[in-house]
Amino acid sequence: MSARALDERVVVVGGGQAGGELVARLRAGGHAGEIVLIGTEPHLPYTRPPLSKTFLRGEAQVEELFLRSARFYEEQDITVLAGATVHSIDLHAKTLECDEGTSLAWDKLVLATGGRSRRLPDATLNDASNVHYVRTIDDAARLRAGTRPGTRFAVVGGGGTSVWKSPRCSDGSERRSRSSRPPIDFLPA
């Protein structure tokens, strides 16, 4: 890598595990330029698997999910813009704008935005107080707050989170059923 590349401003859009690991490895690998990490959640980068395991059962606190402490990012001179959403990127001007008006120029841009939960097709279900989508710390915290021993669940989804969440919702809670869409069959062209 050239000396110039080591001094360039790198902006990483996506404050999840991938973005958090990337900025730490950039610095550890000798990148001396400015590093900015932008994430829509109001939290530092964290690991998701414990959300549906120890965190949901109340066996872990939010701070234990973080990949690194706020002090790490400060000591490594990595700027973390938590709770910011990028709403436009100008590839020619090499700039981006966040929803609160922040504008940033960049030399290198990384998009590490991850995925989103698929919403149920019935809008009335999406607004129901007993329907939860679990992807973030805040999602899991809401579910945890409303879970009591003996609570019955129907878990929809076949991903890793639902596989772990369904039997582990809370001490004493029951796993009732888990449903996922059948796999998509790909037909030869």
C-alpha atoms as a PDB file:
ATOM      1  CA  MET A   1       0.000   0.000   0.000  1.00  0.00           C
ATOM      2  CA  SER A   2       1.361   3.433  -0.911  1.00  0.00           C
ATOM      3  CA  ALA A   3       2.198   6.060   1.701  1.00  0.00           C
ATOM      4  CA  ARG A   4      -0.542   8.268   0.227  1.00  0.00           C
ATOM      5  CA  ALA A   5      -3.134   5.527   0.679  1.00  0.00           C
ATOM      6  CA  LEU A   6      -2.194   5.251   4.366  1.00  0.00           C
ATOM      7  CA  ASP A   7      -3.022   8.941   4.828  1.00  0.00           C
ATOM      8  CA  GLU A   8      -6.355   9.010   3.001  1.00  0.00           C
ATOM      9  CA  ARG A   9      -9.651   9.672   4.758  1.00  0.00           C
ATOM     10  CA  VAL A  10     -11.670   6.476   4.934  1.00  0.00           C
ATOM     11  CA  VAL A  11     -15.388   6.719   5.661  1.00  0.00           C
ATOM     12  CA  VAL A  12     -17.199   3.510   6.551  1.00  0.00           C
ATOM     13  CA  VAL A  13     -20.995   3.584   6.278  1.00  0.00           C
ATOM     14  CA  GLY A  14     -22.401   0.877   8.531  1.00  0.00           C
ATOM     15  CA  GLY A  15     -21.842   0.759  12.261  1.00  0.00           C
ATOM     16  CA  GLY A  16     -22.338  -2.970  12.706  1.00  0.00           C
ATOM     17  CA  GLN A  17     -19.836  -5.723  13.329  1.00  0.00           C
ATOM     18  CA  ALA A  18     -18.305  -5.566   9.832  1.00  0.00           C
ATOM     19  CA  GLY A  19     -17.808  -1.806   9.992  1.00  0.00           C
ATOM     20  CA  GLY A  20     -16.455  -1.963  13.536  1.00  0.00           C
ATOM     21  CA  GLU A  21     -13.957  -4.692  12.686  1.00  0.00           C
ATOM     22  CA  LEU A  22     -12.879  -2.914   9.519  1.00  0.00           C
ATOM     23  CA  VAL A  23     -12.020   0.401  11.182  1.00  0.00           C
ATOM     24  CA  ALA A  24     -10.090  -1.368  13.957  1.00  0.00           C
ATOM     25  CA  ARG A  25      -8.102  -3.422  11.436  1.00  0.00           C
ATOM     26  CA  LEU A  26      -7.390  -0.388   9.283  1.00  0.00           C
ATOM     27  CA  ARG A  27      -5.796   1.348  12.241  1.00  0.00           C
ATOM     28  CA  ALA A  28      -3.986  -1.796  13.397  1.00  0.00           C
ATOM     29  CA  GLY A  29      -2.693  -2.262   9.842  1.00  0.00           C
ATOM     30  CA  GLY A  30      -0.996   1.120   9.868  1.00  0.00           C
ATOM     31  CA  HIS A  31      -3.595   3.412   8.313  1.00  0.00           C
ATOM     32  CA  ALA A  32      -2.618   6.867   9.597  1.00  0.00           C
ATOM     33  CA  GLY A  33      -5.334   8.877   7.862  1.00  0.00           C
ATOM     34  CA  GLU A  34      -8.685   9.918   9.246  1.00  0.00           C
ATOM     35  CA  ILE A  35     -11.176   7.107   9.819  1.00  0.00           C
ATOM     36  CA  VAL A  36     -14.885   7.821  10.237  1.00  0.00           C
ATOM     37  CA  LEU A  37     -17.511   5.190  11.055  1.00  0.00           C
ATOM     38  CA  ILE A  38     -21.171   6.098  10.498  1.00  0.00           C
ATOM     39  CA  GLY A  39     -24.012   3.991  11.903  1.00  0.00           C
ATOM     40  CA  THR A  40     -27.757   4.506  12.160  1.00  0.00           C
ATOM     41  CA  GLU A  41     -28.029   2.889  15.578  1.00  0.00           C
ATOM     42  CA  PRO A  42     -27.196   4.980  18.655  1.00  0.00           C
ATOM     43  CA  HIS A  43     -24.721   2.321  19.810  1.00  0.00           C
ATOM     44  CA  LEU A  44     -21.091   1.465  19.206  1.00  0.00           C
ATOM     45  CA  PRO A  45     -20.511  -1.515  16.882  1.00  0.00           C
ATOM     46  CA  TYR A  46     -21.596  -4.754  18.526  1.00  0.00           C
ATOM     47  CA  THR A  47     -21.934  -8.431  17.870  1.00  0.00           C
ATOM     48  CA  ARG A  48     -25.451  -9.659  17.078  1.00  0.00           C
ATOM     49  CA  PRO A  49     -25.512 -13.357  18.086  1.00  0.00           C
ATOM     50  CA  PRO A  50     -25.775 -12.596  21.847  1.00  0.00           C
ATOM     51  CA  LEU A  51     -28.924 -10.537  21.186  1.00  0.00           C
ATOM     52  CA  SER A  52     -30.938 -13.712  20.809  1.00  0.00           C
ATOM     53  CA  LYS A  53     -28.999 -15.645  23.424  1.00  0.00           C
ATOM     54  CA  THR A  54     -27.594 -14.058  26.570  1.00  0.00           C
ATOM     55  CA  PHE A  55     -28.945 -10.525  26.101  1.00  0.00           C
ATOM     56  CA  LEU A  56     -32.548 -11.590  25.512  1.00  0.00           C
ATOM     57  CA  ARG A  57     -32.435 -13.751  28.650  1.00  0.00           C
ATOM     58  CA  GLY A  58     -31.039 -10.852  30.684  1.00  0.00           C
ATOM     59  CA  GLU A  59     -27.673 -12.547  31.167  1.00  0.00           C
ATOM     60  CA  ALA A  60     -25.725  -9.792  29.391  1.00  0.00           C
ATOM     61  CA  GLN A  61     -25.889  -6.019  29.435  1.00  0.00           C
ATOM     62  CA  VAL A  62     -25.665  -3.730  26.404  1.00  0.00           C
ATOM     63  CA  GLU A  63     -22.043  -2.768  27.086  1.00  0.00           C
ATOM     64  CA  GLU A  64     -21.013  -6.436  26.985  1.00  0.00           C
ATOM     65  CA  LEU A  65     -22.188  -6.664  23.363  1.00  0.00           C
ATOM     66  CA  PHE A  66     -19.875  -3.916  22.100  1.00  0.00           C
ATOM     67  CA  LEU A  67     -16.903  -5.056  20.038  1.00  0.00           C
ATOM     68  CA  ARG A  68     -14.752  -2.373  21.630  1.00  0.00           C
ATOM     69  CA  SER A  69     -15.195   0.393  24.176  1.00  0.00           C
ATOM     70  CA  ALA A  70     -15.703   4.079  23.395  1.00  0.00           C
ATOM     71  CA  ARG A  71     -12.220   4.597  24.818  1.00  0.00           C
ATOM     72  CA  PHE A  72     -10.733   2.325  22.134  1.00  0.00           C
ATOM     73  CA  TYR A  73     -12.175   4.477  19.328  1.00  0.00           C
ATOM     74  CA  GLU A  74     -10.942   7.641  21.060  1.00  0.00           C
ATOM     75  CA  GLU A  75      -7.450   6.240  21.603  1.00  0.00           C
ATOM     76  CA  GLN A  76      -7.264   5.024  18.012  1.00  0.00           C
ATOM     77  CA  ASP A  77      -8.506   8.384  16.702  1.00  0.00           C
ATOM     78  CA  ILE A  78     -11.505   6.803  14.997  1.00  0.00           C
ATOM     79  CA  THR A  79     -14.526   9.081  14.733  1.00  0.00           C
ATOM     80  CA  VAL A  80     -17.804   7.258  15.397  1.00  0.00           C
ATOM     81  CA  LEU A  81     -20.989   8.975  14.267  1.00  0.00           C
ATOM     82  CA  ALA A  82     -23.608   6.820  15.996  1.00  0.00           C
ATOM     83  CA  GLY A  83     -27.253   7.544  15.318  1.00  0.00           C
ATOM     84  CA  ALA A  84     -26.519   9.121  11.926  1.00  0.00           C
ATOM     85  CA  THR A  85     -28.091   8.046   8.647  1.00  0.00           C
ATOM     86  CA  VAL A  86     -26.445   8.702   5.303  1.00  0.00           C
ATOM     87  CA  HIS A  87     -29.093   9.935   2.888  1.00  0.00           C
ATOM     88  CA  SER A  88     -26.999  10.822  -0.158  1.00  0.00           C
ATOM     89  CA  ILE A  89     -23.642   9.908  -1.685  1.00  0.00           C
ATOM     90  CA  ASP A  90     -22.036  11.833  -4.529  1.00  0.00           C
ATOM     91  CA  LEU A  91     -19.521   9.485  -6.155  1.00  0.00           C
ATOM     92  CA  HIS A  92     -18.067  12.164  -8.439  1.00  0.00           C
ATOM     93  CA  ALA A  93     -17.512  14.767  -5.720  1.00  0.00           C
ATOM     94  CA  LYS A  94     -16.564  12.046  -3.186  1.00  0.00           C
ATOM     95  CA  THR A  95     -18.900  13.442  -0.542  1.00  0.00           C
ATOM     96  CA  LEU A  96     -21.832  12.178   1.472  1.00  0.00           C
ATOM     97  CA  GLU A  97     -24.522  13.822   3.540  1.00  0.00           C
ATOM     98  CA  CYS A  98     -26.170  12.609   6.710  1.00  0.00           C
ATOM     99  CA  ASP A  99     -29.729  13.309   7.796  1.00  0.00           C
ATOM    100  CA  GLU A 100     -28.745  15.838  10.441  1.00  0.00           C
ATOM    101  CA  GLY A 101     -26.869  17.962   7.863  1.00  0.00           C
ATOM    102  CA  THR A 102     -23.349  16.615   8.329  1.00  0.00           C
ATOM    103  CA  SER A 103     -21.432  16.595   5.052  1.00  0.00           C
ATOM    104  CA  LEU A 104     -18.239  14.555   4.712  1.00  0.00           C
ATOM    105  CA  ALA A 105     -15.635  14.279   1.998  1.00  0.00           C
ATOM    106  CA  TRP A 106     -13.849  10.966   1.580  1.00  0.00           C
ATOM    107  CA  ASP A 107     -10.947   9.434  -0.315  1.00  0.00           C
ATOM    108  CA  LYS A 108     -12.134   5.865   0.209  1.00  0.00           C
ATOM    109  CA  LEU A 109     -15.721   4.881   0.964  1.00  0.00           C
ATOM    110  CA  VAL A 110     -16.818   1.518   2.338  1.00  0.00           C
ATOM    111  CA  LEU A 111     -20.479   0.490   2.417  1.00  0.00           C
ATOM    112  CA  ALA A 112     -20.940  -2.088   5.168  1.00  0.00           C
ATOM    113  CA  THR A 113     -24.617  -1.557   5.849  1.00  0.00           C
ATOM    114  CA  GLY A 114     -25.725  -5.138   6.486  1.00  0.00           C
ATOM    115  CA  GLY A 115     -29.305  -6.279   6.027  1.00  0.00           C
ATOM    116  CA  ARG A 116     -32.771  -5.573   7.319  1.00  0.00           C
ATOM    117  CA  SER A 117     -35.473  -7.808   8.726  1.00  0.00           C
ATOM    118  CA  ARG A 118     -38.124  -8.814   6.232  1.00  0.00           C
ATOM    119  CA  ARG A 119     -41.481  -7.341   7.249  1.00  0.00           C
ATOM    120  CA  LEU A 120     -44.672  -9.343   7.287  1.00  0.00           C
ATOM    121  CA  PRO A 121     -46.948  -8.540   4.341  1.00  0.00           C
ATOM    122  CA  ASP A 122     -49.924  -7.714   6.602  1.00  0.00           C
ATOM    123  CA  ALA A 123     -49.591  -4.067   7.713  1.00  0.00           C
ATOM    124  CA  THR A 124     -51.870  -4.587  10.722  1.00  0.00           C
ATOM    125  CA  LEU A 125     -49.471  -7.208  12.081  1.00  0.00           C
ATOM    126  CA  ASN A 126     -46.539  -4.830  11.734  1.00  0.00           C
ATOM    127  CA  ASP A 127     -48.263  -2.344  14.047  1.00  0.00           C
ATOM    128  CA  ALA A 128     -49.364  -4.919  16.639  1.00  0.00           C
ATOM    129  CA  SER A 129     -47.830  -4.536  20.093  1.00  0.00           C
ATOM    130  CA  ASN A 130     -47.126  -8.258  20.340  1.00  0.00           C
ATOM    131  CA  VAL A 131     -45.256  -8.563  17.025  1.00  0.00           C
ATOM    132  CA  HIS A 132     -41.510  -8.017  17.341  1.00  0.00           C
ATOM    133  CA  TYR A 133     -38.736  -7.809  14.780  1.00  0.00           C
ATOM    134  CA  VAL A 134     -35.381  -8.538  16.361  1.00  0.00           C
ATOM    135  CA  ARG A 135     -32.334  -7.177  14.584  1.00  0.00           C
ATOM    136  CA  THR A 136     -30.931  -4.494  16.883  1.00  0.00           C
ATOM    137  CA  ILE A 137     -30.104  -4.004  20.550  1.00  0.00           C
ATOM    138  CA  ASP A 138     -33.171  -1.802  20.924  1.00  0.00           C
ATOM    139  CA  ASP A 139     -35.412  -4.440  19.269  1.00  0.00           C
ATOM    140  CA  ALA A 140     -34.146  -7.143  21.626  1.00  0.00           C
ATOM    141  CA  ALA A 141     -34.465  -4.840  24.650  1.00  0.00           C
ATOM    142  CA  ARG A 142     -38.150  -4.178  23.854  1.00  0.00           C
ATOM    143  CA  LEU A 143     -38.840  -7.895  23.526  1.00  0.00           C
ATOM    144  CA  ARG A 144     -36.903  -8.655  26.721  1.00  0.00           C
ATOM    145  CA  ALA A 145     -38.848  -6.013  28.656  1.00  0.00           C
ATOM    146  CA  GLY A 146     -42.167  -7.580  27.646  1.00  0.00           C
ATOM    147  CA  THR A 147     -41.195 -11.220  28.221  1.00  0.00           C
ATOM    148  CA  ARG A 148     -42.233 -13.060  31.369  1.00  0.00           C
ATOM    149  CA  PRO A 149     -41.827 -16.700  32.418  1.00  0.00           C
ATOM    150  CA  GLY A 150     -44.413 -18.836  30.669  1.00  0.00           C
ATOM    151  CA  THR A 151     -44.725 -16.513  27.682  1.00  0.00           C
ATOM    152  CA  ARG A 152     -45.615 -18.402  24.520  1.00  0.00           C
ATOM    153  CA  PHE A 153     -43.989 -17.499  21.212  1.00  0.00           C
ATOM    154  CA  ALA A 154     -44.446 -18.147  17.550  1.00  0.00           C
ATOM    155  CA  VAL A 155     -41.166 -17.347  15.816  1.00  0.00           C
ATOM    156  CA  VAL A 156     -41.311 -16.638  12.108  1.00  0.00           C
ATOM    157  CA  GLY A 157     -38.040 -16.874  10.250  1.00  0.00           C
ATOM    158  CA  GLY A 158     -35.450 -19.471   9.477  1.00  0.00           C
ATOM    159  CA  GLY A 159     -32.285 -17.440  10.013  1.00  0.00           C
ATOM    160  CA  GLY A 160     -29.743 -17.914  12.745  1.00  0.00           C
ATOM    161  CA  THR A 161     -31.396 -15.382  15.044  1.00  0.00           C
ATOM    162  CA  SER A 162     -34.769 -17.124  15.017  1.00  0.00           C
ATOM    163  CA  VAL A 163     -33.213 -20.542  15.508  1.00  0.00           C
ATOM    164  CA  TRP A 164     -31.507 -19.296  18.668  1.00  0.00           C
ATOM    165  CA  LYS A 165     -34.284 -16.999  19.818  1.00  0.00           C
ATOM    166  CA  SER A 166     -37.137 -19.454  19.713  1.00  0.00           C
ATOM    167  CA  PRO A 167     -36.053 -21.745  22.572  1.00  0.00           C
ATOM    168  CA  ARG A 168     -34.289 -19.033  24.560  1.00  0.00           C
ATOM    169  CA  CYS A 169     -36.689 -16.112  24.808  1.00  0.00           C
ATOM    170  CA  SER A 170     -36.596 -15.947  28.585  1.00  0.00           C
ATOM    171  CA  ASP A 171     -36.076 -18.194  31.566  1.00  0.00           C
ATOM    172  CA  GLY A 172     -39.207 -20.303  31.832  1.00  0.00           C
ATOM    173  CA  SER A 173     -40.661 -19.149  28.504  1.00  0.00           C
ATOM    174  CA  GLU A 174     -41.955 -21.726  26.129  1.00  0.00           C
ATOM    175  CA  ARG A 175     -41.006 -22.236  22.555  1.00  0.00           C
ATOM    176  CA  ARG A 176     -44.230 -22.904  20.739  1.00  0.00           C
ATOM    177  CA  SER A 177     -43.455 -22.981  17.067  1.00  0.00           C
ATOM    178  CA  ARG A 178     -41.062 -21.738  14.459  1.00  0.00           C
ATOM    179  CA  SER A 179     -41.928 -21.154  10.849  1.00  0.00           C
ATOM    180  CA  SER A 180     -39.871 -20.139   7.878  1.00  0.00           C
ATOM    181  CA  ARG A 181     -40.508 -19.725   4.206  1.00  0.00           C
ATOM    182  CA  PRO A 182     -39.611 -22.729   2.115  1.00  0.00           C
ATOM    183  CA  PRO A 183     -36.301 -22.391   0.296  1.00  0.00           C
ATOM    184  CA  ILE A 184     -36.435 -20.833  -3.145  1.00  0.00           C
ATOM    185  CA  ASP A 185     -35.984 -23.345  -5.933  1.00  0.00           C
ATOM    186  CA  PHE A 186     -33.730 -22.080  -8.685  1.00  0.00           C
ATOM    187  CA  LEU A 187     -34.611 -23.388 -12.093  1.00  0.00           C
ATOM    188  CA  PRO A 188     -31.990 -23.897 -14.774  1.00  0.00           C
ATOM    189  CA  ALA A 189     -31.913 -21.130 -17.367  1.00  0.00           C
END
